[in-house]
Amino acid sequence: MTQKDKPEARERIIEAVLKIIGQKGNVKFTVREIAKVADVNLSAVNYYFRSTKNLLNEVEIYFAEKVHETSKILTNENPNPKTDLINWTKALMELLAKNTGILWIIANKIIQKGNPGIFIDKLIEESNQNLKKIISVLTGNNNEQYLSLKIIQLMSGISFPIIMCNGLGKNLGQNFNDPSVIEKYSNLIIDSILS
């Protein structure tokens, strides 16, 4: 990879934090670890973020933007909304599998403060209405409680396998880092949600 092909230092630092947290399974890291993984000097980490708290906030904002990009799938005017739902599920699972550190950041925030943070807020805000609309169209049911329960079922179905596989090391015979497994699972979970 040439210097021109490398992502900017700031983005590499954020991605390094997600990688380190995902590998360690906790939110403890050193600036030295970040600098090594991001391939930047120590002063770059301090220059861009000033503190660990700022860095973690920026990681969440970065990830929330990735979620925003993924949520655009749900706004397609596709004649087959089930395809959008499957594609969104796959994209979100792949995003979480690639960035498992975000799951540890969320868990840590919930344990420490009782607040899951900007990522969960962004995910719910940007997908809730679109998911309700699509699920309502596909099931023929527009009962608010039913739709909310289906969304909870879907969100749990997306996040739990990633947590099991990457967080607890229990893959139940499946590798959720494999896009073909995510593809098959996404189809199954959507069929389950819509039945």
C-alpha atoms as a PDB file:
ATOM      1  CA  MET A   1       0.000   0.000   0.000  1.00  0.00           C
ATOM      2  CA  THR A   2       1.450   3.333  -0.974  1.00  0.00           C
ATOM      3  CA  GLN A   3       1.228   6.427   1.208  1.00  0.00           C
ATOM      4  CA  LYS A   4      -1.405   7.757  -1.202  1.00  0.00           C
ATOM      5  CA  ASP A   5      -3.560   4.639  -0.655  1.00  0.00           C
ATOM      6  CA  LYS A   6      -3.462   4.849   3.147  1.00  0.00           C
ATOM      7  CA  PRO A   7      -6.511   6.306   4.879  1.00  0.00           C
ATOM      8  CA  GLU A   8      -5.850   9.558   6.653  1.00  0.00           C
ATOM      9  CA  ALA A   9      -4.117   9.304  10.032  1.00  0.00           C
ATOM     10  CA  ARG A  10      -7.221  10.372  11.950  1.00  0.00           C
ATOM     11  CA  GLU A  11      -9.332   7.616  10.398  1.00  0.00           C
ATOM     12  CA  ARG A  12      -6.565   5.038  10.894  1.00  0.00           C
ATOM     13  CA  ILE A  13      -6.432   5.958  14.585  1.00  0.00           C
ATOM     14  CA  ILE A  14     -10.183   5.489  14.965  1.00  0.00           C
ATOM     15  CA  GLU A  15     -10.084   2.163  13.123  1.00  0.00           C
ATOM     16  CA  ALA A  16      -7.133   1.090  15.288  1.00  0.00           C
ATOM     17  CA  VAL A  17      -9.120   1.790  18.454  1.00  0.00           C
ATOM     18  CA  LEU A  18     -12.032  -0.316  17.175  1.00  0.00           C
ATOM     19  CA  LYS A  19      -9.644  -3.127  16.267  1.00  0.00           C
ATOM     20  CA  ILE A  20      -7.776  -3.060  19.595  1.00  0.00           C
ATOM     21  CA  ILE A  21     -10.949  -2.961  21.681  1.00  0.00           C
ATOM     22  CA  GLY A  22     -12.488  -5.741  19.588  1.00  0.00           C
ATOM     23  CA  GLN A  23      -9.407  -7.944  20.028  1.00  0.00           C
ATOM     24  CA  LYS A  24      -8.975  -7.271  23.742  1.00  0.00           C
ATOM     25  CA  GLY A  25     -12.638  -7.427  24.670  1.00  0.00           C
ATOM     26  CA  ASN A  26     -12.432  -4.352  26.850  1.00  0.00           C
ATOM     27  CA  VAL A  27     -12.082  -0.590  26.534  1.00  0.00           C
ATOM     28  CA  LYS A  28      -8.558  -0.416  27.945  1.00  0.00           C
ATOM     29  CA  PHE A  29      -5.815   0.573  25.542  1.00  0.00           C
ATOM     30  CA  THR A  30      -2.691   2.669  25.437  1.00  0.00           C
ATOM     31  CA  VAL A  31      -1.720   5.456  23.093  1.00  0.00           C
ATOM     32  CA  ARG A  32       1.347   3.401  22.192  1.00  0.00           C
ATOM     33  CA  GLU A  33      -0.878   0.481  21.078  1.00  0.00           C
ATOM     34  CA  ILE A  34      -3.036   2.801  19.006  1.00  0.00           C
ATOM     35  CA  ALA A  35      -0.037   4.435  17.355  1.00  0.00           C
ATOM     36  CA  LYS A  36       1.450   1.057  16.441  1.00  0.00           C
ATOM     37  CA  VAL A  37      -1.747  -0.380  14.951  1.00  0.00           C
ATOM     38  CA  ALA A  38      -2.623   2.888  13.165  1.00  0.00           C
ATOM     39  CA  ASP A  39       0.941   3.298  11.897  1.00  0.00           C
ATOM     40  CA  VAL A  40       1.211   6.852  13.227  1.00  0.00           C
ATOM     41  CA  ASN A  41       3.517   8.492  15.735  1.00  0.00           C
ATOM     42  CA  LEU A  42       2.417   8.933  19.343  1.00  0.00           C
ATOM     43  CA  SER A  43       1.960  12.666  18.995  1.00  0.00           C
ATOM     44  CA  ALA A  44      -0.606  12.178  16.194  1.00  0.00           C
ATOM     45  CA  VAL A  45      -3.020  10.486  18.589  1.00  0.00           C
ATOM     46  CA  ASN A  46      -2.802  13.379  21.028  1.00  0.00           C
ATOM     47  CA  TYR A  47      -2.900  15.940  18.228  1.00  0.00           C
ATOM     48  CA  TYR A  48      -6.170  14.645  16.784  1.00  0.00           C
ATOM     49  CA  PHE A  49      -8.000  13.678  19.964  1.00  0.00           C
ATOM     50  CA  ARG A  50      -6.385  15.271  23.074  1.00  0.00           C
ATOM     51  CA  SER A  51      -7.903  12.692  25.467  1.00  0.00           C
ATOM     52  CA  THR A  52      -9.178   9.132  25.626  1.00  0.00           C
ATOM     53  CA  LYS A  53     -12.688  10.432  26.264  1.00  0.00           C
ATOM     54  CA  ASN A  54     -12.570  12.572  23.102  1.00  0.00           C
ATOM     55  CA  LEU A  55     -11.158   9.651  21.145  1.00  0.00           C
ATOM     56  CA  LEU A  56     -13.944   7.294  22.237  1.00  0.00           C
ATOM     57  CA  ASN A  57     -16.559   9.949  21.423  1.00  0.00           C
ATOM     58  CA  GLU A  58     -15.037  10.351  17.953  1.00  0.00           C
ATOM     59  CA  VAL A  59     -15.022   6.576  17.485  1.00  0.00           C
ATOM     60  CA  GLU A  60     -18.755   6.548  18.190  1.00  0.00           C
ATOM     61  CA  ILE A  61     -19.394   9.442  15.822  1.00  0.00           C
ATOM     62  CA  TYR A  62     -17.329   7.718  13.117  1.00  0.00           C
ATOM     63  CA  PHE A  63     -19.276   4.503  13.601  1.00  0.00           C
ATOM     64  CA  ALA A  64     -22.607   6.342  13.684  1.00  0.00           C
ATOM     65  CA  GLU A  65     -21.738   7.740  10.239  1.00  0.00           C
ATOM     66  CA  LYS A  66     -21.093   4.199   8.990  1.00  0.00           C
ATOM     67  CA  VAL A  67     -24.514   3.227  10.353  1.00  0.00           C
ATOM     68  CA  HIS A  68     -26.020   6.239   8.591  1.00  0.00           C
ATOM     69  CA  GLU A  69     -24.583   5.007   5.283  1.00  0.00           C
ATOM     70  CA  THR A  70     -25.973   1.541   5.937  1.00  0.00           C
ATOM     71  CA  SER A  71     -29.419   2.934   6.823  1.00  0.00           C
ATOM     72  CA  LYS A  72     -29.704   4.498   3.370  1.00  0.00           C
ATOM     73  CA  ILE A  73     -30.403   0.977   2.081  1.00  0.00           C
ATOM     74  CA  LEU A  74     -33.801   1.138   3.798  1.00  0.00           C
ATOM     75  CA  THR A  75     -34.823   4.272   1.917  1.00  0.00           C
ATOM     76  CA  ASN A  76     -34.571   2.750  -1.556  1.00  0.00           C
ATOM     77  CA  GLU A  77     -37.717   2.773  -3.602  1.00  0.00           C
ATOM     78  CA  ASN A  78     -37.218  -0.875  -4.410  1.00  0.00           C
ATOM     79  CA  PRO A  79     -40.237  -2.735  -5.778  1.00  0.00           C
ATOM     80  CA  ASN A  80     -39.178  -5.604  -3.500  1.00  0.00           C
ATOM     81  CA  PRO A  81     -38.677  -4.150   0.012  1.00  0.00           C
ATOM     82  CA  LYS A  82     -37.689  -7.586   1.319  1.00  0.00           C
ATOM     83  CA  THR A  83     -34.478  -7.261  -0.701  1.00  0.00           C
ATOM     84  CA  ASP A  84     -33.732  -3.936   1.009  1.00  0.00           C
ATOM     85  CA  LEU A  85     -34.369  -5.511   4.399  1.00  0.00           C
ATOM     86  CA  ILE A  86     -32.029  -8.422   3.661  1.00  0.00           C
ATOM     87  CA  ASN A  87     -29.347  -6.109   2.238  1.00  0.00           C
ATOM     88  CA  TRP A  88     -29.571  -3.804   5.274  1.00  0.00           C
ATOM     89  CA  THR A  89     -29.321  -6.772   7.653  1.00  0.00           C
ATOM     90  CA  LYS A  90     -26.250  -8.096   5.806  1.00  0.00           C
ATOM     91  CA  ALA A  91     -24.597  -4.684   5.692  1.00  0.00           C
ATOM     92  CA  LEU A  92     -25.173  -4.031   9.403  1.00  0.00           C
ATOM     93  CA  MET A  93     -23.927  -7.492  10.403  1.00  0.00           C
ATOM     94  CA  GLU A  94     -20.819  -7.087   8.249  1.00  0.00           C
ATOM     95  CA  LEU A  95     -20.197  -3.649   9.754  1.00  0.00           C
ATOM     96  CA  LEU A  96     -20.510  -4.992  13.304  1.00  0.00           C
ATOM     97  CA  ALA A  97     -18.394  -8.072  12.537  1.00  0.00           C
ATOM     98  CA  LYS A  98     -15.646  -5.886  11.085  1.00  0.00           C
ATOM     99  CA  ASN A  99     -15.792  -3.393  13.983  1.00  0.00           C
ATOM    100  CA  THR A 100     -16.529  -5.492  17.070  1.00  0.00           C
ATOM    101  CA  GLY A 101     -14.876  -2.867  19.247  1.00  0.00           C
ATOM    102  CA  ILE A 102     -18.056  -0.785  19.009  1.00  0.00           C
ATOM    103  CA  LEU A 103     -19.949  -3.523  20.855  1.00  0.00           C
ATOM    104  CA  TRP A 104     -17.498  -3.281  23.763  1.00  0.00           C
ATOM    105  CA  ILE A 105     -17.743   0.503  23.776  1.00  0.00           C
ATOM    106  CA  ILE A 106     -21.543   0.287  23.943  1.00  0.00           C
ATOM    107  CA  ALA A 107     -21.451  -2.360  26.677  1.00  0.00           C
ATOM    108  CA  ASN A 108     -18.984  -0.284  28.680  1.00  0.00           C
ATOM    109  CA  LYS A 109     -21.141   2.848  28.355  1.00  0.00           C
ATOM    110  CA  ILE A 110     -24.243   0.981  29.457  1.00  0.00           C
ATOM    111  CA  ILE A 111     -22.442  -0.498  32.467  1.00  0.00           C
ATOM    112  CA  GLN A 112     -20.821   2.807  33.432  1.00  0.00           C
ATOM    113  CA  LYS A 113     -23.622   5.265  32.694  1.00  0.00           C
ATOM    114  CA  GLY A 114     -26.731   3.403  31.661  1.00  0.00           C
ATOM    115  CA  ASN A 115     -26.568   5.163  28.277  1.00  0.00           C
ATOM    116  CA  PRO A 116     -25.652   3.239  25.099  1.00  0.00           C
ATOM    117  CA  GLY A 117     -24.480   6.388  23.311  1.00  0.00           C
ATOM    118  CA  ILE A 118     -24.692   7.939  19.887  1.00  0.00           C
ATOM    119  CA  PHE A 119     -24.323   4.718  17.876  1.00  0.00           C
ATOM    120  CA  ILE A 120     -27.479   3.129  19.284  1.00  0.00           C
ATOM    121  CA  ASP A 121     -29.343   6.440  19.113  1.00  0.00           C
ATOM    122  CA  LYS A 122     -28.359   6.848  15.450  1.00  0.00           C
ATOM    123  CA  LEU A 123     -29.259   3.251  14.622  1.00  0.00           C
ATOM    124  CA  ILE A 124     -32.693   3.524  16.209  1.00  0.00           C
ATOM    125  CA  GLU A 125     -33.386   7.031  14.914  1.00  0.00           C
ATOM    126  CA  GLU A 126     -32.435   6.278  11.333  1.00  0.00           C
ATOM    127  CA  SER A 127     -33.859   2.810  10.945  1.00  0.00           C
ATOM    128  CA  ASN A 128     -36.915   2.560  13.204  1.00  0.00           C
ATOM    129  CA  GLN A 129     -39.481   4.272  10.960  1.00  0.00           C
ATOM    130  CA  ASN A 130     -38.121   2.717   7.792  1.00  0.00           C
ATOM    131  CA  LEU A 131     -38.101  -0.747   9.349  1.00  0.00           C
ATOM    132  CA  LYS A 132     -41.679  -0.302  10.609  1.00  0.00           C
ATOM    133  CA  LYS A 133     -42.809   0.762   7.146  1.00  0.00           C
ATOM    134  CA  ILE A 134     -41.091  -2.142   5.372  1.00  0.00           C
ATOM    135  CA  ILE A 135     -42.184  -4.775   7.888  1.00  0.00           C
ATOM    136  CA  SER A 136     -45.741  -3.433   7.798  1.00  0.00           C
ATOM    137  CA  VAL A 137     -45.832  -3.650   3.999  1.00  0.00           C
ATOM    138  CA  LEU A 138     -44.357  -7.148   3.963  1.00  0.00           C
ATOM    139  CA  THR A 139     -46.515  -8.585   6.771  1.00  0.00           C
ATOM    140  CA  GLY A 140     -49.700  -6.619   6.159  1.00  0.00           C
ATOM    141  CA  ASN A 141     -49.732  -5.714   9.853  1.00  0.00           C
ATOM    142  CA  ASN A 142     -49.573  -2.087  11.002  1.00  0.00           C
ATOM    143  CA  ASN A 143     -50.058  -2.611  14.739  1.00  0.00           C
ATOM    144  CA  GLU A 144     -47.427  -0.439  16.492  1.00  0.00           C
ATOM    145  CA  GLN A 145     -46.658  -2.968  19.231  1.00  0.00           C
ATOM    146  CA  TYR A 146     -46.307  -5.799  16.713  1.00  0.00           C
ATOM    147  CA  LEU A 147     -43.955  -3.722  14.547  1.00  0.00           C
ATOM    148  CA  SER A 148     -41.873  -2.635  17.538  1.00  0.00           C
ATOM    149  CA  LEU A 149     -41.520  -6.237  18.697  1.00  0.00           C
ATOM    150  CA  LYS A 150     -40.475  -7.313  15.199  1.00  0.00           C
ATOM    151  CA  ILE A 151     -37.803  -4.592  15.156  1.00  0.00           C
ATOM    152  CA  ILE A 152     -36.510  -5.744  18.547  1.00  0.00           C
ATOM    153  CA  GLN A 153     -36.453  -9.300  17.220  1.00  0.00           C
ATOM    154  CA  LEU A 154     -34.529  -8.157  14.144  1.00  0.00           C
ATOM    155  CA  MET A 155     -32.007  -6.024  16.062  1.00  0.00           C
ATOM    156  CA  SER A 156     -31.390  -8.864  18.523  1.00  0.00           C
ATOM    157  CA  GLY A 157     -30.989 -11.288  15.660  1.00  0.00           C
ATOM    158  CA  ILE A 158     -28.406  -9.035  14.035  1.00  0.00           C
ATOM    159  CA  SER A 159     -26.306  -8.224  17.086  1.00  0.00           C
ATOM    160  CA  PHE A 160     -26.444 -11.422  19.142  1.00  0.00           C
ATOM    161  CA  PRO A 161     -24.523 -13.682  16.710  1.00  0.00           C
ATOM    162  CA  ILE A 162     -21.766 -11.069  16.427  1.00  0.00           C
ATOM    163  CA  ILE A 163     -21.564 -10.789  20.216  1.00  0.00           C
ATOM    164  CA  MET A 164     -21.516 -14.576  20.600  1.00  0.00           C
ATOM    165  CA  CYS A 165     -18.924 -15.141  17.888  1.00  0.00           C
ATOM    166  CA  ASN A 166     -16.598 -12.234  18.572  1.00  0.00           C
ATOM    167  CA  GLY A 167     -17.322 -11.267  22.139  1.00  0.00           C
ATOM    168  CA  LEU A 168     -17.694 -14.639  23.795  1.00  0.00           C
ATOM    169  CA  GLY A 169     -15.871 -16.784  21.243  1.00  0.00           C
ATOM    170  CA  LYS A 170     -18.879 -19.072  20.888  1.00  0.00           C
ATOM    171  CA  ASN A 171     -19.724 -19.394  17.230  1.00  0.00           C
ATOM    172  CA  LEU A 172     -22.066 -22.395  17.459  1.00  0.00           C
ATOM    173  CA  GLY A 173     -20.379 -23.838  14.401  1.00  0.00           C
ATOM    174  CA  GLN A 174     -20.737 -20.677  12.302  1.00  0.00           C
ATOM    175  CA  ASN A 175     -18.207 -18.003  11.410  1.00  0.00           C
ATOM    176  CA  PHE A 176     -20.001 -14.661  11.392  1.00  0.00           C
ATOM    177  CA  ASN A 177     -16.888 -13.047   9.966  1.00  0.00           C
ATOM    178  CA  ASP A 178     -17.582 -14.959   6.750  1.00  0.00           C
ATOM    179  CA  PRO A 179     -19.774 -12.949   4.334  1.00  0.00           C
ATOM    180  CA  SER A 180     -21.373 -16.141   2.975  1.00  0.00           C
ATOM    181  CA  VAL A 181     -22.538 -17.093   6.491  1.00  0.00           C
ATOM    182  CA  ILE A 182     -23.902 -13.577   6.990  1.00  0.00           C
ATOM    183  CA  GLU A 183     -25.664 -13.834   3.616  1.00  0.00           C
ATOM    184  CA  LYS A 184     -27.397 -17.101   4.540  1.00  0.00           C
ATOM    185  CA  TYR A 185     -28.214 -15.938   8.050  1.00  0.00           C
ATOM    186  CA  SER A 186     -29.647 -12.609   6.822  1.00  0.00           C
ATOM    187  CA  ASN A 187     -32.077 -14.429   4.556  1.00  0.00           C
ATOM    188  CA  LEU A 188     -33.092 -16.775   7.380  1.00  0.00           C
ATOM    189  CA  ILE A 189     -33.620 -14.034   9.931  1.00  0.00           C
ATOM    190  CA  ILE A 190     -35.702 -11.924   7.562  1.00  0.00           C
ATOM    191  CA  ASP A 191     -37.843 -14.938   6.673  1.00  0.00           C
ATOM    192  CA  SER A 192     -38.288 -15.531  10.402  1.00  0.00           C
ATOM    193  CA  ILE A 193     -39.183 -11.887  11.089  1.00  0.00           C
ATOM    194  CA  LEU A 194     -41.740 -11.816   8.308  1.00  0.00           C
ATOM    195  CA  SER A 195     -43.449 -15.130   9.140  1.00  0.00           C
END
